[in-house]
PDB file of N, CA and C in Angstrom:
ATOM      1  N   VAL A   1      87.393 103.735 114.978  1.00  0.00           N
ATOM      2  CA  VAL A   1      87.908 103.581 115.884  1.00  0.00           C
ATOM      3  C   VAL A   1      88.901 105.130 116.393  1.00  0.00           C
ATOM      4  N   ALA A   2      89.417 105.873 116.007  1.00  0.00           N
ATOM      5  CA  ALA A   2      89.815 106.813 115.914  1.00  0.00           C
ATOM      6  C   ALA A   2      88.683 107.815 116.819  1.00  0.00           C
ATOM      7  N   LEU A   3      87.692 107.928 116.709  1.00  0.00           N
ATOM      8  CA  LEU A   3      86.355 108.991 117.097  1.00  0.00           C
ATOM      9  C   LEU A   3      86.319 108.536 118.729  1.00  0.00           C
ATOM     10  N   ALA A   4      86.512 106.732 118.891  1.00  0.00           N
ATOM     11  CA  ALA A   4      86.205 106.497 119.802  1.00  0.00           C
ATOM     12  C   ALA A   4      87.414 106.794 120.448  1.00  0.00           C
ATOM     13  N   SER A   5      88.667 106.650 120.313  1.00  0.00           N
ATOM     14  CA  SER A   5      89.917 106.822 120.496  1.00  0.00           C
ATOM     15  C   SER A   5      89.494 108.194 121.819  1.00  0.00           C
ATOM     16  N   ILE A   6      89.241 109.219 119.939  1.00  0.00           N
ATOM     17  CA  ILE A   6      89.569 111.041 120.950  1.00  0.00           C
ATOM     18  C   ILE A   6      88.777 111.101 122.001  1.00  0.00           C
ATOM     19  N   LYS A   7      87.054 110.458 121.659  1.00  0.00           N
ATOM     20  CA  LYS A   7      86.033 110.889 122.806  1.00  0.00           C
ATOM     21  C   LYS A   7      86.123 110.111 124.411  1.00  0.00           C
ATOM     22  N   LYS A   8      87.759 109.423 124.782  1.00  0.00           N
ATOM     23  CA  LYS A   8      87.599 108.699 125.186  1.00  0.00           C
ATOM     24  C   LYS A   8      88.859 109.842 126.055  1.00  0.00           C
ATOM     25  N   GLY A   9      89.694 110.837 125.128  1.00  0.00           N
ATOM     26  CA  GLY A   9      90.829 111.971 125.994  1.00  0.00           C
ATOM     27  C   GLY A   9      91.102 111.493 125.405  1.00  0.00           C
ATOM     28  N   PHE A  10      91.762 110.007 124.599  1.00  0.00           N
ATOM     29  CA  PHE A  10      93.362 109.897 124.215  1.00  0.00           C
ATOM     30  C   PHE A  10      93.903 110.738 123.153  1.00  0.00           C
ATOM     31  N   GLN A  11      94.850 111.526 123.149  1.00  0.00           N
ATOM     32  CA  GLN A  11      95.527 111.022 122.252  1.00  0.00           C
ATOM     33  C   GLN A  11      95.820 110.538 120.916  1.00  0.00           C
ATOM     34  N   THR A  12      95.826 110.917 119.703  1.00  0.00           N
ATOM     35  CA  THR A  12      95.680 110.096 118.479  1.00  0.00           C
ATOM     36  C   THR A  12      95.823 109.929 117.435  1.00  0.00           C
ATOM     37  N   ILE A  13      96.709 109.351 116.545  1.00  0.00           N
ATOM     38  CA  ILE A  13      96.646 109.834 115.678  1.00  0.00           C
ATOM     39  C   ILE A  13      96.526 108.677 114.610  1.00  0.00           C
ATOM     40  N   MET A  14      95.672 109.829 113.523  1.00  0.00           N
ATOM     41  CA  MET A  14      94.653 109.304 112.161  1.00  0.00           C
ATOM     42  C   MET A  14      94.970 108.502 111.676  1.00  0.00           C
ATOM     43  N   CYS A  15      94.592 107.597 110.875  1.00  0.00           N
ATOM     44  CA  CYS A  15      95.382 106.622 110.162  1.00  0.00           C
ATOM     45  C   CYS A  15      94.585 105.630 109.717  1.00  0.00           C
ATOM     46  N   PRO A  16      93.249 106.104 109.446  1.00  0.00           N
ATOM     47  CA  PRO A  16      92.329 105.070 108.428  1.00  0.00           C
ATOM     48  C   PRO A  16      92.823 104.042 107.385  1.00  0.00           C
ATOM     49  N   ALA A  17      92.527 102.801 107.222  1.00  0.00           N
ATOM     50  CA  ALA A  17      92.912 101.843 106.211  1.00  0.00           C
ATOM     51  C   ALA A  17      92.272 102.650 104.722  1.00  0.00           C
ATOM     52  N   GLN A  18      91.083 103.107 104.859  1.00  0.00           N
ATOM     53  CA  GLN A  18      90.666 103.243 103.448  1.00  0.00           C
ATOM     54  C   GLN A  18      91.325 105.029 102.972  1.00  0.00           C
ATOM     55  N   LYS A  19      91.316 105.676 103.436  1.00  0.00           N
ATOM     56  CA  LYS A  19      92.272 106.875 103.016  1.00  0.00           C
ATOM     57  C   LYS A  19      94.069 106.724 103.347  1.00  0.00           C
ATOM     58  N   THR A  20      94.631 105.600 104.188  1.00  0.00           N
ATOM     59  CA  THR A  20      96.057 105.608 104.920  1.00  0.00           C
ATOM     60  C   THR A  20      96.970 104.946 104.215  1.00  0.00           C
ATOM     61  N   TYR A  21      96.321 104.016 104.153  1.00  0.00           N
ATOM     62  CA  TYR A  21      97.109 102.189 103.658  1.00  0.00           C
ATOM     63  C   TYR A  21      97.531 102.132 102.326  1.00  0.00           C
ATOM     64  N   PHE A  22      99.013 102.381 102.141  1.00  0.00           N
ATOM     65  CA  PHE A  22      99.188 102.720 100.742  1.00  0.00           C
ATOM     66  C   PHE A  22      99.856 101.047 100.147  1.00  0.00           C
ATOM     67  N   ASP A  23      99.483 100.093 100.511  1.00  0.00           N
ATOM     68  CA  ASP A  23      99.573  98.861 100.421  1.00  0.00           C
ATOM     69  C   ASP A  23      97.900  98.277  99.505  1.00  0.00           C
ATOM     70  N   MET A  24      97.438  99.136  99.799  1.00  0.00           N
ATOM     71  CA  MET A  24      95.923  98.902  98.887  1.00  0.00           C
ATOM     72  C   MET A  24      96.380  99.383  97.384  1.00  0.00           C
ATOM     73  N   ALA A  25      95.834  98.577  96.285  1.00  0.00           N
ATOM     74  CA  ALA A  25      95.655  98.452  95.291  1.00  0.00           C
ATOM     75  C   ALA A  25      95.490 100.458  94.727  1.00  0.00           C
ATOM     76  N   HIS A  26      95.587 100.945  93.947  1.00  0.00           N
ATOM     77  CA  HIS A  26      95.121 102.123  93.747  1.00  0.00           C
ATOM     78  C   HIS A  26      93.583 102.152  92.816  1.00  0.00           C
ATOM     79  N   ASN A  27      93.437 101.001  92.305  1.00  0.00           N
ATOM     80  CA  ASN A  27      91.712 100.818  91.306  1.00  0.00           C
ATOM     81  C   ASN A  27      91.292  98.971  91.372  1.00  0.00           C
ATOM     82  N   ASN A  28      90.129  98.990  91.171  1.00  0.00           N
ATOM     83  CA  ASN A  28      90.315  97.723  90.611  1.00  0.00           C
ATOM     84  C   ASN A  28      90.690  96.736  89.926  1.00  0.00           C
ATOM     85  N   SER A  29      91.680  97.226  88.990  1.00  0.00           N
ATOM     86  CA  SER A  29      91.823  96.827  88.057  1.00  0.00           C
ATOM     87  C   SER A  29      92.966  95.593  88.330  1.00  0.00           C
ATOM     88  N   THR A  30      92.949  94.428  87.235  1.00  0.00           N
ATOM     89  CA  THR A  30      93.522  93.673  88.251  1.00  0.00           C
ATOM     90  C   THR A  30      95.009  93.366  87.396  1.00  0.00           C
ATOM     91  N   GLU A  31      95.561  94.944  86.875  1.00  0.00           N
ATOM     92  CA  GLU A  31      96.773  95.004  86.694  1.00  0.00           C
ATOM     93  C   GLU A  31      97.365  95.634  88.125  1.00  0.00           C
ATOM     94  N   GLU A  32      96.364  95.952  88.781  1.00  0.00           N
ATOM     95  CA  GLU A  32      97.014  96.677  89.644  1.00  0.00           C
ATOM     96  C   GLU A  32      98.048  96.012  90.910  1.00  0.00           C
ATOM     97  N   ARG A  33      98.657  96.753  91.222  1.00  0.00           N
ATOM     98  CA  ARG A  33      99.369  95.693  92.443  1.00  0.00           C
ATOM     99  C   ARG A  33      98.772  96.073  94.025  1.00  0.00           C
ATOM    100  N   GLY A  34      98.948  95.242  95.213  1.00  0.00           N
ATOM    101  CA  GLY A  34      98.240  95.918  95.798  1.00  0.00           C
ATOM    102  C   GLY A  34      97.402  94.602  96.086  1.00  0.00           C
ATOM    103  N   ILE A  35      96.626  95.184  97.172  1.00  0.00           N
ATOM    104  CA  ILE A  35      95.546  94.528  98.182  1.00  0.00           C
ATOM    105  C   ILE A  35      94.219  95.410  98.485  1.00  0.00           C
ATOM    106  N   CYS A  36      93.374  94.518  98.316  1.00  0.00           N
ATOM    107  CA  CYS A  36      92.090  95.207  98.447  1.00  0.00           C
ATOM    108  C   CYS A  36      91.349  94.901  99.567  1.00  0.00           C
ATOM    109  N   TRP A  37      91.435  95.202 101.289  1.00  0.00           N
ATOM    110  CA  TRP A  37      90.414  94.170 101.660  1.00  0.00           C
ATOM    111  C   TRP A  37      90.113  95.426 102.644  1.00  0.00           C
ATOM    112  N   ALA A  38      90.665  96.629 102.588  1.00  0.00           N
ATOM    113  CA  ALA A  38      89.877  97.637 103.054  1.00  0.00           C
ATOM    114  C   ALA A  38      89.071  99.264 101.511  1.00  0.00           C
ATOM    115  N   GLY A  39      89.594  98.167 100.927  1.00  0.00           N
ATOM    116  CA  GLY A  39      89.253  99.058  99.576  1.00  0.00           C
ATOM    117  C   GLY A  39      90.376  99.390  98.348  1.00  0.00           C
ATOM    118  N   THR A  40      90.352 100.145  98.204  1.00  0.00           N
ATOM    119  CA  THR A  40      91.276 100.803  97.078  1.00  0.00           C
ATOM    120  C   THR A  40      91.520 102.409  97.174  1.00  0.00           C
ATOM    121  N   ILE A  41      92.472 102.826  96.672  1.00  0.00           N
ATOM    122  CA  ILE A  41      92.470 104.233  97.441  1.00  0.00           C
ATOM    123  C   ILE A  41      93.612 105.216  95.941  1.00  0.00           C
ATOM    124  N   GLU A  42      92.546 105.635  95.005  1.00  0.00           N
ATOM    125  CA  GLU A  42      93.454 106.888  94.317  1.00  0.00           C
ATOM    126  C   GLU A  42      93.609 107.746  94.855  1.00  0.00           C
ATOM    127  N   VAL A  43      94.419 108.713  94.400  1.00  0.00           N
ATOM    128  CA  VAL A  43      94.691 109.506  94.510  1.00  0.00           C
ATOM    129  C   VAL A  43      94.035 110.836  95.263  1.00  0.00           C
ATOM    130  N   ALA A  44      92.923 110.835  94.415  1.00  0.00           N
ATOM    131  CA  ALA A  44      92.278 112.093  94.442  1.00  0.00           C
ATOM    132  C   ALA A  44      90.938 111.961  95.783  1.00  0.00           C
ATOM    133  N   GLU A  45      90.890 110.788  96.075  1.00  0.00           N
ATOM    134  CA  GLU A  45      90.032 109.948  97.425  1.00  0.00           C
ATOM    135  C   GLU A  45      90.937 110.622  98.676  1.00  0.00           C
ATOM    136  N   VAL A  46      92.359 110.336  98.423  1.00  0.00           N
ATOM    137  CA  VAL A  46      93.004 110.406  99.630  1.00  0.00           C
ATOM    138  C   VAL A  46      92.724 111.953  99.826  1.00  0.00           C
ATOM    139  N   HIS A  47      93.103 113.069  98.620  1.00  0.00           N
ATOM    140  CA  HIS A  47      92.510 114.495  98.510  1.00  0.00           C
ATOM    141  C   HIS A  47      91.704 114.775  99.299  1.00  0.00           C
ATOM    142  N   SER A  48      90.414 113.909  99.111  1.00  0.00           N
ATOM    143  CA  SER A  48      89.321 114.480  99.582  1.00  0.00           C
ATOM    144  C   SER A  48      89.015 114.048 100.734  1.00  0.00           C
ATOM    145  N   TRP A  49      89.569 113.270 101.591  1.00  0.00           N
ATOM    146  CA  TRP A  49      89.508 113.172 103.028  1.00  0.00           C
ATOM    147  C   TRP A  49      89.892 114.399 104.103  1.00  0.00           C
ATOM    148  N   ASN A  50      88.952 114.839 104.648  1.00  0.00           N
ATOM    149  CA  ASN A  50      88.665 115.558 105.882  1.00  0.00           C
ATOM    150  C   ASN A  50      88.979 114.739 107.194  1.00  0.00           C
ATOM    151  N   PRO A  51      89.987 114.634 107.745  1.00  0.00           N
ATOM    152  CA  PRO A  51      90.191 113.976 108.866  1.00  0.00           C
ATOM    153  C   PRO A  51      88.943 114.318 110.302  1.00  0.00           C
ATOM    154  N   LEU A  52      89.416 115.468 110.162  1.00  0.00           N
ATOM    155  CA  LEU A  52      88.612 115.954 111.176  1.00  0.00           C
ATOM    156  C   LEU A  52      86.462 116.590 110.663  1.00  0.00           C
ATOM    157  N   GLN A  53      86.116 116.367 109.834  1.00  0.00           N
ATOM    158  CA  GLN A  53      85.089 116.553 109.055  1.00  0.00           C
ATOM    159  C   GLN A  53      84.300 115.799 110.274  1.00  0.00           C
ATOM    160  N   ASN A  54      84.334 114.518 110.625  1.00  0.00           N
ATOM    161  CA  ASN A  54      82.831 114.168 111.637  1.00  0.00           C
ATOM    162  C   ASN A  54      83.282 114.128 113.506  1.00  0.00           C
ATOM    163  N   ILE A  55      84.165 114.866 113.530  1.00  0.00           N
ATOM    164  CA  ILE A  55      84.504 115.086 114.690  1.00  0.00           C
ATOM    165  C   ILE A  55      84.533 116.836 115.786  1.00  0.00           C
ATOM    166  N   ASP A  56      83.476 116.390 116.709  1.00  0.00           N
ATOM    167  CA  ASP A  56      83.203 117.493 116.990  1.00  0.00           C
ATOM    168  C   ASP A  56      84.252 118.657 117.548  1.00  0.00           C
ATOM    169  N   ASN A  57      84.374 119.826 117.082  1.00  0.00           N
ATOM    170  CA  ASN A  57      85.504 120.875 117.648  1.00  0.00           C
ATOM    171  C   ASN A  57      86.190 120.450 119.105  1.00  0.00           C
ATOM    172  N   ARG A  58      85.764 119.917 120.103  1.00  0.00           N
ATOM    173  CA  ARG A  58      85.714 120.154 121.362  1.00  0.00           C
ATOM    174  C   ARG A  58      87.085 118.698 121.526  1.00  0.00           C
ATOM    175  N   PHE A  59      86.809 118.120 120.221  1.00  0.00           N
ATOM    176  CA  PHE A  59      87.446 116.950 120.456  1.00  0.00           C
ATOM    177  C   PHE A  59      89.121 117.170 119.375  1.00  0.00           C
ATOM    178  N   HIS A  60      88.904 118.098 118.648  1.00  0.00           N
ATOM    179  CA  HIS A  60      89.987 118.227 117.824  1.00  0.00           C
ATOM    180  C   HIS A  60      91.639 118.707 118.351  1.00  0.00           C
ATOM    181  N   ASN A  61      91.626 118.816 119.853  1.00  0.00           N
ATOM    182  CA  ASN A  61      93.262 118.861 120.354  1.00  0.00           C
ATOM    183  C   ASN A  61      93.834 117.325 120.848  1.00  0.00           C
ATOM    184  N   PHE A  62      93.184 116.420 121.041  1.00  0.00           N
ATOM    185  CA  PHE A  62      93.056 115.130 120.835  1.00  0.00           C
ATOM    186  C   PHE A  62      93.575 114.463 119.677  1.00  0.00           C
ATOM    187  N   VAL A  63      93.615 115.092 118.580  1.00  0.00           N
ATOM    188  CA  VAL A  63      93.915 114.818 117.231  1.00  0.00           C
ATOM    189  C   VAL A  63      95.558 115.212 117.245  1.00  0.00           C
ATOM    190  N   LEU A  64      96.254 114.384 116.939  1.00  0.00           N
ATOM    191  CA  LEU A  64      98.090 114.706 116.761  1.00  0.00           C
ATOM    192  C   LEU A  64      98.523 114.792 115.574  1.00  0.00           C
ATOM    193  N   GLY A  65      98.024 114.421 114.781  1.00  0.00           N
ATOM    194  CA  GLY A  65      98.013 114.141 113.487  1.00  0.00           C
ATOM    195  C   GLY A  65      97.321 113.367 112.377  1.00  0.00           C
ATOM    196  N   ILE A  66      97.721 112.571 111.536  1.00  0.00           N
ATOM    197  CA  ILE A  66      97.414 112.315 110.597  1.00  0.00           C
ATOM    198  C   ILE A  66      98.872 111.325 110.101  1.00  0.00           C
ATOM    199  N   GLN A  67      98.975 109.872 109.390  1.00  0.00           N
ATOM    200  CA  GLN A  67      99.863 108.978 108.874  1.00  0.00           C
ATOM    201  C   GLN A  67      99.961 108.328 107.745  1.00  0.00           C
ATOM    202  N   GLY A  68     100.638 107.918 107.166  1.00  0.00           N
ATOM    203  CA  GLY A  68     100.146 106.919 106.033  1.00  0.00           C
ATOM    204  C   GLY A  68     101.039 105.970 106.540  1.00  0.00           C
ATOM    205  N   GLN A  69     100.476 104.021 106.048  1.00  0.00           N
ATOM    206  CA  GLN A  69     101.335 103.411 105.909  1.00  0.00           C
ATOM    207  C   GLN A  69     101.768 102.823 104.536  1.00  0.00           C
ATOM    208  N   LEU A  70     103.125 102.107 104.800  1.00  0.00           N
ATOM    209  CA  LEU A  70     102.599 101.202 103.543  1.00  0.00           C
ATOM    210  C   LEU A  70     102.935  99.625 104.053  1.00  0.00           C
ATOM    211  N   TRP A  71     102.631  99.005 104.075  1.00  0.00           N
ATOM    212  CA  TRP A  71     102.796  97.271 104.663  1.00  0.00           C
ATOM    213  C   TRP A  71     103.129  96.788 103.743  1.00  0.00           C
ATOM    214  N   SER A  72     104.479  96.350 103.299  1.00  0.00           N
ATOM    215  CA  SER A  72     105.625  95.487 102.441  1.00  0.00           C
ATOM    216  C   SER A  72     105.090  94.284 102.421  1.00  0.00           C
ATOM    217  N   GLU A  73     104.881  94.149 103.052  1.00  0.00           N
ATOM    218  CA  GLU A  73     104.778  92.400 103.462  1.00  0.00           C
ATOM    219  C   GLU A  73     104.188  91.370 101.792  1.00  0.00           C
ATOM    220  N   THR A  74     103.423  92.533 100.983  1.00  0.00           N
ATOM    221  CA  THR A  74     102.869  92.140  99.818  1.00  0.00           C
ATOM    222  C   THR A  74     103.984  92.421  98.921  1.00  0.00           C
ATOM    223  N   LEU A  75     105.124  93.419  98.603  1.00  0.00           N
ATOM    224  CA  LEU A  75     105.680  93.975  97.557  1.00  0.00           C
ATOM    225  C   LEU A  75     106.604  92.518  97.644  1.00  0.00           C
ATOM    226  N   THR A  76     106.758  92.332  96.920  1.00  0.00           N
ATOM    227  CA  THR A  76     108.223  90.731  96.325  1.00  0.00           C
ATOM    228  C   THR A  76     109.193  91.845  95.019  1.00  0.00           C
ATOM    229  N   LYS A  77     109.029  93.290  94.647  1.00  0.00           N
ATOM    230  CA  LYS A  77     110.283  93.921  94.258  1.00  0.00           C
ATOM    231  C   LYS A  77     110.289  95.598  94.949  1.00  0.00           C
ATOM    232  N   GLU A  78     111.350  95.839  95.059  1.00  0.00           N
ATOM    233  CA  GLU A  78     111.529  96.897  95.434  1.00  0.00           C
ATOM    234  C   GLU A  78     111.148  98.327  95.107  1.00  0.00           C
ATOM    235  N   SER A  79     110.872  97.516  93.163  1.00  0.00           N
ATOM    236  CA  SER A  79     111.184  98.757  92.635  1.00  0.00           C
ATOM    237  C   SER A  79     109.153  99.219  92.543  1.00  0.00           C
ATOM    238  N   SER A  80     108.451  98.054  93.025  1.00  0.00           N
ATOM    239  CA  SER A  80     107.240  98.785  93.490  1.00  0.00           C
ATOM    240  C   SER A  80     106.792  99.746  94.325  1.00  0.00           C
ATOM    241  N   LEU A  81     107.548  99.745  95.190  1.00  0.00           N
ATOM    242  CA  LEU A  81     107.574 100.816  96.488  1.00  0.00           C
ATOM    243  C   LEU A  81     107.466 102.415  95.934  1.00  0.00           C
ATOM    244  N   ASP A  82     108.129 102.716  94.835  1.00  0.00           N
ATOM    245  CA  ASP A  82     107.665 104.288  94.645  1.00  0.00           C
ATOM    246  C   ASP A  82     105.589 104.193  94.361  1.00  0.00           C
ATOM    247  N   LYS A  83     105.620 103.037  93.243  1.00  0.00           N
ATOM    248  CA  LYS A  83     104.419 103.486  92.729  1.00  0.00           C
ATOM    249  C   LYS A  83     103.148 103.261  93.418  1.00  0.00           C
ATOM    250  N   MET A  84     103.864 102.712  94.874  1.00  0.00           N
ATOM    251  CA  MET A  84     102.423 102.741  95.756  1.00  0.00           C
ATOM    252  C   MET A  84     101.833 104.096  96.603  1.00  0.00           C
ATOM    253  N   ILE A  85     103.686 104.668  96.790  1.00  0.00           N
ATOM    254  CA  ILE A  85     103.312 105.820  97.391  1.00  0.00           C
ATOM    255  C   ILE A  85     103.189 107.051  96.523  1.00  0.00           C
ATOM    256  N   ASN A  86     103.588 106.944  95.454  1.00  0.00           N
ATOM    257  CA  ASN A  86     103.888 108.312  94.730  1.00  0.00           C
ATOM    258  C   ASN A  86     102.468 107.958  93.538  1.00  0.00           C
ATOM    259  N   PRO A  87     102.077 109.517  93.473  1.00  0.00           N
ATOM    260  CA  PRO A  87     101.691 110.319  94.378  1.00  0.00           C
ATOM    261  C   PRO A  87     100.612 110.619  95.953  1.00  0.00           C
ATOM    262  N   ARG A  88     100.377 109.402  96.430  1.00  0.00           N
ATOM    263  CA  ARG A  88      99.561 109.161  97.430  1.00  0.00           C
ATOM    264  C   ARG A  88     100.016 110.411  98.936  1.00  0.00           C
ATOM    265  N   LEU A  89     101.488 109.728  99.161  1.00  0.00           N
ATOM    266  CA  LEU A  89     102.244 110.471 100.168  1.00  0.00           C
ATOM    267  C   LEU A  89     101.961 112.031 100.013  1.00  0.00           C
ATOM    268  N   ALA A  90     102.746 112.284  98.988  1.00  0.00           N
ATOM    269  CA  ALA A  90     102.761 114.358  98.469  1.00  0.00           C
ATOM    270  C   ALA A  90     101.030 114.056  99.185  1.00  0.00           C
ATOM    271  N   THR A  91     100.176 114.038  98.363  1.00  0.00           N
ATOM    272  CA  THR A  91      98.902 114.311  98.391  1.00  0.00           C
ATOM    273  C   THR A  91      98.094 114.110 100.367  1.00  0.00           C
ATOM    274  N   LEU A  92      98.224 112.818 100.528  1.00  0.00           N
ATOM    275  CA  LEU A  92      98.179 113.089 102.029  1.00  0.00           C
ATOM    276  C   LEU A  92      99.338 114.232 102.830  1.00  0.00           C
ATOM    277  N   SER A  93     100.286 114.795 102.491  1.00  0.00           N
ATOM    278  CA  SER A  93     100.802 115.544 102.509  1.00  0.00           C
ATOM    279  C   SER A  93      99.981 116.972 103.393  1.00  0.00           C
ATOM    280  N   GLU A  94      99.133 117.478 101.797  1.00  0.00           N
ATOM    281  CA  GLU A  94      98.559 117.921 101.388  1.00  0.00           C
ATOM    282  C   GLU A  94      97.581 118.432 102.452  1.00  0.00           C
ATOM    283  N   VAL A  95      96.595 116.961 102.253  1.00  0.00           N
ATOM    284  CA  VAL A  95      95.711 117.065 103.549  1.00  0.00           C
ATOM    285  C   VAL A  95      96.122 117.701 104.807  1.00  0.00           C
ATOM    286  N   ALA A  96      97.583 116.919 104.969  1.00  0.00           N
ATOM    287  CA  ALA A  96      97.697 117.418 106.563  1.00  0.00           C
ATOM    288  C   ALA A  96      98.230 118.633 106.967  1.00  0.00           C
ATOM    289  N   TRP A  97      98.905 119.085 106.051  1.00  0.00           N
ATOM    290  CA  TRP A  97      99.486 120.478 106.301  1.00  0.00           C
ATOM    291  C   TRP A  97      98.105 121.863 105.990  1.00  0.00           C
ATOM    292  N   SER A  98      97.424 121.353 104.859  1.00  0.00           N
ATOM    293  CA  SER A  98      96.292 122.556 104.815  1.00  0.00           C
ATOM    294  C   SER A  98      95.258 122.213 105.720  1.00  0.00           C
ATOM    295  N   SER A  99      94.238 123.895 105.410  1.00  0.00           N
ATOM    296  CA  SER A  99      93.000 124.192 106.437  1.00  0.00           C
ATOM    297  C   SER A  99      92.232 123.067 105.646  1.00  0.00           C
ATOM    298  N   ASP A 100      90.989 123.442 106.169  1.00  0.00           N
ATOM    299  CA  ASP A 100      90.008 123.079 105.345  1.00  0.00           C
ATOM    300  C   ASP A 100      89.625 123.803 104.336  1.00  0.00           C
ATOM    301  N   LYS A 101      90.310 124.853 103.835  1.00  0.00           N
ATOM    302  CA  LYS A 101      89.936 125.435 102.525  1.00  0.00           C
ATOM    303  C   LYS A 101      91.294 125.262 101.936  1.00  0.00           C
ATOM    304  N   ARG A 102      91.873 123.579 101.744  1.00  0.00           N
ATOM    305  CA  ARG A 102      93.079 123.968 101.054  1.00  0.00           C
ATOM    306  C   ARG A 102      92.384 123.845  99.144  1.00  0.00           C
ATOM    307  N   ARG A 103      93.200 123.845  98.396  1.00  0.00           N
ATOM    308  CA  ARG A 103      92.784 123.653  96.861  1.00  0.00           C
ATOM    309  C   ARG A 103      92.026 122.840  96.383  1.00  0.00           C
ATOM    310  N   GLY A 104      91.099 122.739  95.523  1.00  0.00           N
ATOM    311  CA  GLY A 104      90.544 122.075  95.007  1.00  0.00           C
ATOM    312  C   GLY A 104      90.871 120.841  94.350  1.00  0.00           C
ATOM    313  N   TRP A 105      90.734 119.669  94.075  1.00  0.00           N
ATOM    314  CA  TRP A 105      90.856 118.441  93.628  1.00  0.00           C
ATOM    315  C   TRP A 105      92.166 119.225  92.286  1.00  0.00           C
ATOM    316  N   ASP A 106      90.962 119.968  90.695  1.00  0.00           N
ATOM    317  CA  ASP A 106      91.484 120.665  89.894  1.00  0.00           C
ATOM    318  C   ASP A 106      93.145 121.100  89.761  1.00  0.00           C
ATOM    319  N   GLN A 107      93.063 122.246  91.008  1.00  0.00           N
ATOM    320  CA  GLN A 107      94.169 123.042  91.441  1.00  0.00           C
ATOM    321  C   GLN A 107      95.358 122.202  92.044  1.00  0.00           C
ATOM    322  N   PHE A 108      95.407 121.037  92.868  1.00  0.00           N
ATOM    323  CA  PHE A 108      95.971 120.298  93.137  1.00  0.00           C
ATOM    324  C   PHE A 108      96.278 119.913  92.616  1.00  0.00           C
ATOM    325  N   ARG A 109      95.664 118.910  91.661  1.00  0.00           N
ATOM    326  CA  ARG A 109      96.601 117.974  90.861  1.00  0.00           C
ATOM    327  C   ARG A 109      97.322 118.852  89.403  1.00  0.00           C
ATOM    328  N   SER A 110      97.137 119.887  89.271  1.00  0.00           N
ATOM    329  CA  SER A 110      97.820 120.735  88.169  1.00  0.00           C
ATOM    330  C   SER A 110      99.646 120.535  89.153  1.00  0.00           C
ATOM    331  N   ALA A 111      99.566 121.186  90.869  1.00  0.00           N
ATOM    332  CA  ALA A 111     100.375 121.200  91.476  1.00  0.00           C
ATOM    333  C   ALA A 111     101.145 119.675  91.288  1.00  0.00           C
ATOM    334  N   LEU A 112     100.675 118.819  91.854  1.00  0.00           N
ATOM    335  CA  LEU A 112     100.881 117.550  92.000  1.00  0.00           C
ATOM    336  C   LEU A 112     101.574 117.058  90.740  1.00  0.00           C
ATOM    337  N   PHE A 113     101.603 117.551  88.965  1.00  0.00           N
ATOM    338  CA  PHE A 113     101.929 117.056  88.334  1.00  0.00           C
ATOM    339  C   PHE A 113     103.273 117.361  88.253  1.00  0.00           C
ATOM    340  N   ASN A 114     103.822 118.527  88.366  1.00  0.00           N
ATOM    341  CA  ASN A 114     104.786 119.456  88.597  1.00  0.00           C
ATOM    342  C   ASN A 114     105.686 118.897  89.544  1.00  0.00           C
ATOM    343  N   SER A 115     104.734 118.038  90.776  1.00  0.00           N
ATOM    344  CA  SER A 115     106.192 117.605  91.611  1.00  0.00           C
ATOM    345  C   SER A 115     106.000 116.209  91.232  1.00  0.00           C
ATOM    346  N   VAL A 116     105.197 115.190  90.412  1.00  0.00           N
ATOM    347  CA  VAL A 116     105.883 114.209  89.824  1.00  0.00           C
ATOM    348  C   VAL A 116     107.131 114.199  88.687  1.00  0.00           C
ATOM    349  N   LYS A 117     106.961 115.465  88.320  1.00  0.00           N
ATOM    350  CA  LYS A 117     108.135 115.835  87.284  1.00  0.00           C
ATOM    351  C   LYS A 117     109.483 115.587  87.867  1.00  0.00           C
ATOM    352  N   LEU A 118     109.576 116.149  88.947  1.00  0.00           N
ATOM    353  CA  LEU A 118     110.696 116.210  90.094  1.00  0.00           C
ATOM    354  C   LEU A 118     110.956 114.595  90.217  1.00  0.00           C
ATOM    355  N   LEU A 119     109.943 114.067  90.798  1.00  0.00           N
ATOM    356  CA  LEU A 119     110.453 112.215  90.750  1.00  0.00           C
ATOM    357  C   LEU A 119     110.932 111.486  89.760  1.00  0.00           C
ATOM    358  N   GLU A 120     110.495 111.977  88.869  1.00  0.00           N
ATOM    359  CA  GLU A 120     111.361 111.187  87.843  1.00  0.00           C
ATOM    360  C   GLU A 120     112.141 111.541  87.778  1.00  0.00           C
ATOM    361  N   LYS A 121     113.183 113.033  87.633  1.00  0.00           N
ATOM    362  CA  LYS A 121     114.428 113.610  87.337  1.00  0.00           C
ATOM    363  C   LYS A 121     115.190 112.448  88.222  1.00  0.00           C
ATOM    364  N   ILE A 122     114.630 112.177  89.634  1.00  0.00           N
ATOM    365  CA  ILE A 122     115.918 111.664  90.721  1.00  0.00           C
ATOM    366  C   ILE A 122     115.543 110.053  90.407  1.00  0.00           C
ATOM    367  N   GLY A 123     114.964 109.985  88.857  1.00  0.00           N
ATOM    368  CA  GLY A 123     114.607 108.086  89.100  1.00  0.00           C
ATOM    369  C   GLY A 123     113.170 107.953  89.920  1.00  0.00           C
ATOM    370  N   TRP A 124     112.792 108.216  90.427  1.00  0.00           N
ATOM    371  CA  TRP A 124     111.217 107.401  91.353  1.00  0.00           C
ATOM    372  C   TRP A 124     110.576 107.374  90.574  1.00  0.00           C
ATOM    373  N   LYS A 125     109.652 106.557  90.287  1.00  0.00           N
ATOM    374  CA  LYS A 125     108.183 106.051  89.679  1.00  0.00           C
ATOM    375  C   LYS A 125     107.345 106.902  90.334  1.00  0.00           C
ATOM    376  N   TYR A 126     105.961 107.110  89.506  1.00  0.00           N
ATOM    377  CA  TYR A 126     104.514 106.915  90.273  1.00  0.00           C
ATOM    378  C   TYR A 126     103.291 106.853  89.404  1.00  0.00           C
ATOM    379  N   HIS A 127     102.276 106.156  90.479  1.00  0.00           N
ATOM    380  CA  HIS A 127     101.577 105.899  89.935  1.00  0.00           C
ATOM    381  C   HIS A 127     100.061 107.162  89.113  1.00  0.00           C
ATOM    382  N   GLU A 128      99.746 106.731  87.733  1.00  0.00           N
ATOM    383  CA  GLU A 128      99.009 107.883  87.329  1.00  0.00           C
ATOM    384  C   GLU A 128      97.930 108.547  87.423  1.00  0.00           C
ATOM    385  N   PHE A 129      97.425 109.096  87.193  1.00  0.00           N
ATOM    386  CA  PHE A 129      96.404 109.648  88.572  1.00  0.00           C
ATOM    387  C   PHE A 129      96.145 111.095  87.761  1.00  0.00           C
TER     388      PHE A 129
END
């Protein structure tokens, strides 16, 4: 959909469900919160996404950015919110702010461990990655 929009000359915010809908389950475990209609989204999968990969350079200026969503209609407890977005939102930020030559997964994962330590200190929960 984003590609069709861009090719028609529309300014576009990219937010494919398979990478940016944080109400999706992290994996197929029966113990996971979330839904799976668009797939599952582990943190490493968010990190591997290159939003401009299949878009011709002449259309890049129509991409205004990327966006993550958390559709909350399936969340029955406020305490579930933290684990649904953390650390996927921080990872999506890395994708948005970094160039194509961003850190590899192993290097980024190490940095992400430090970030979740800060989350724990302020009382937020996060999903294991």
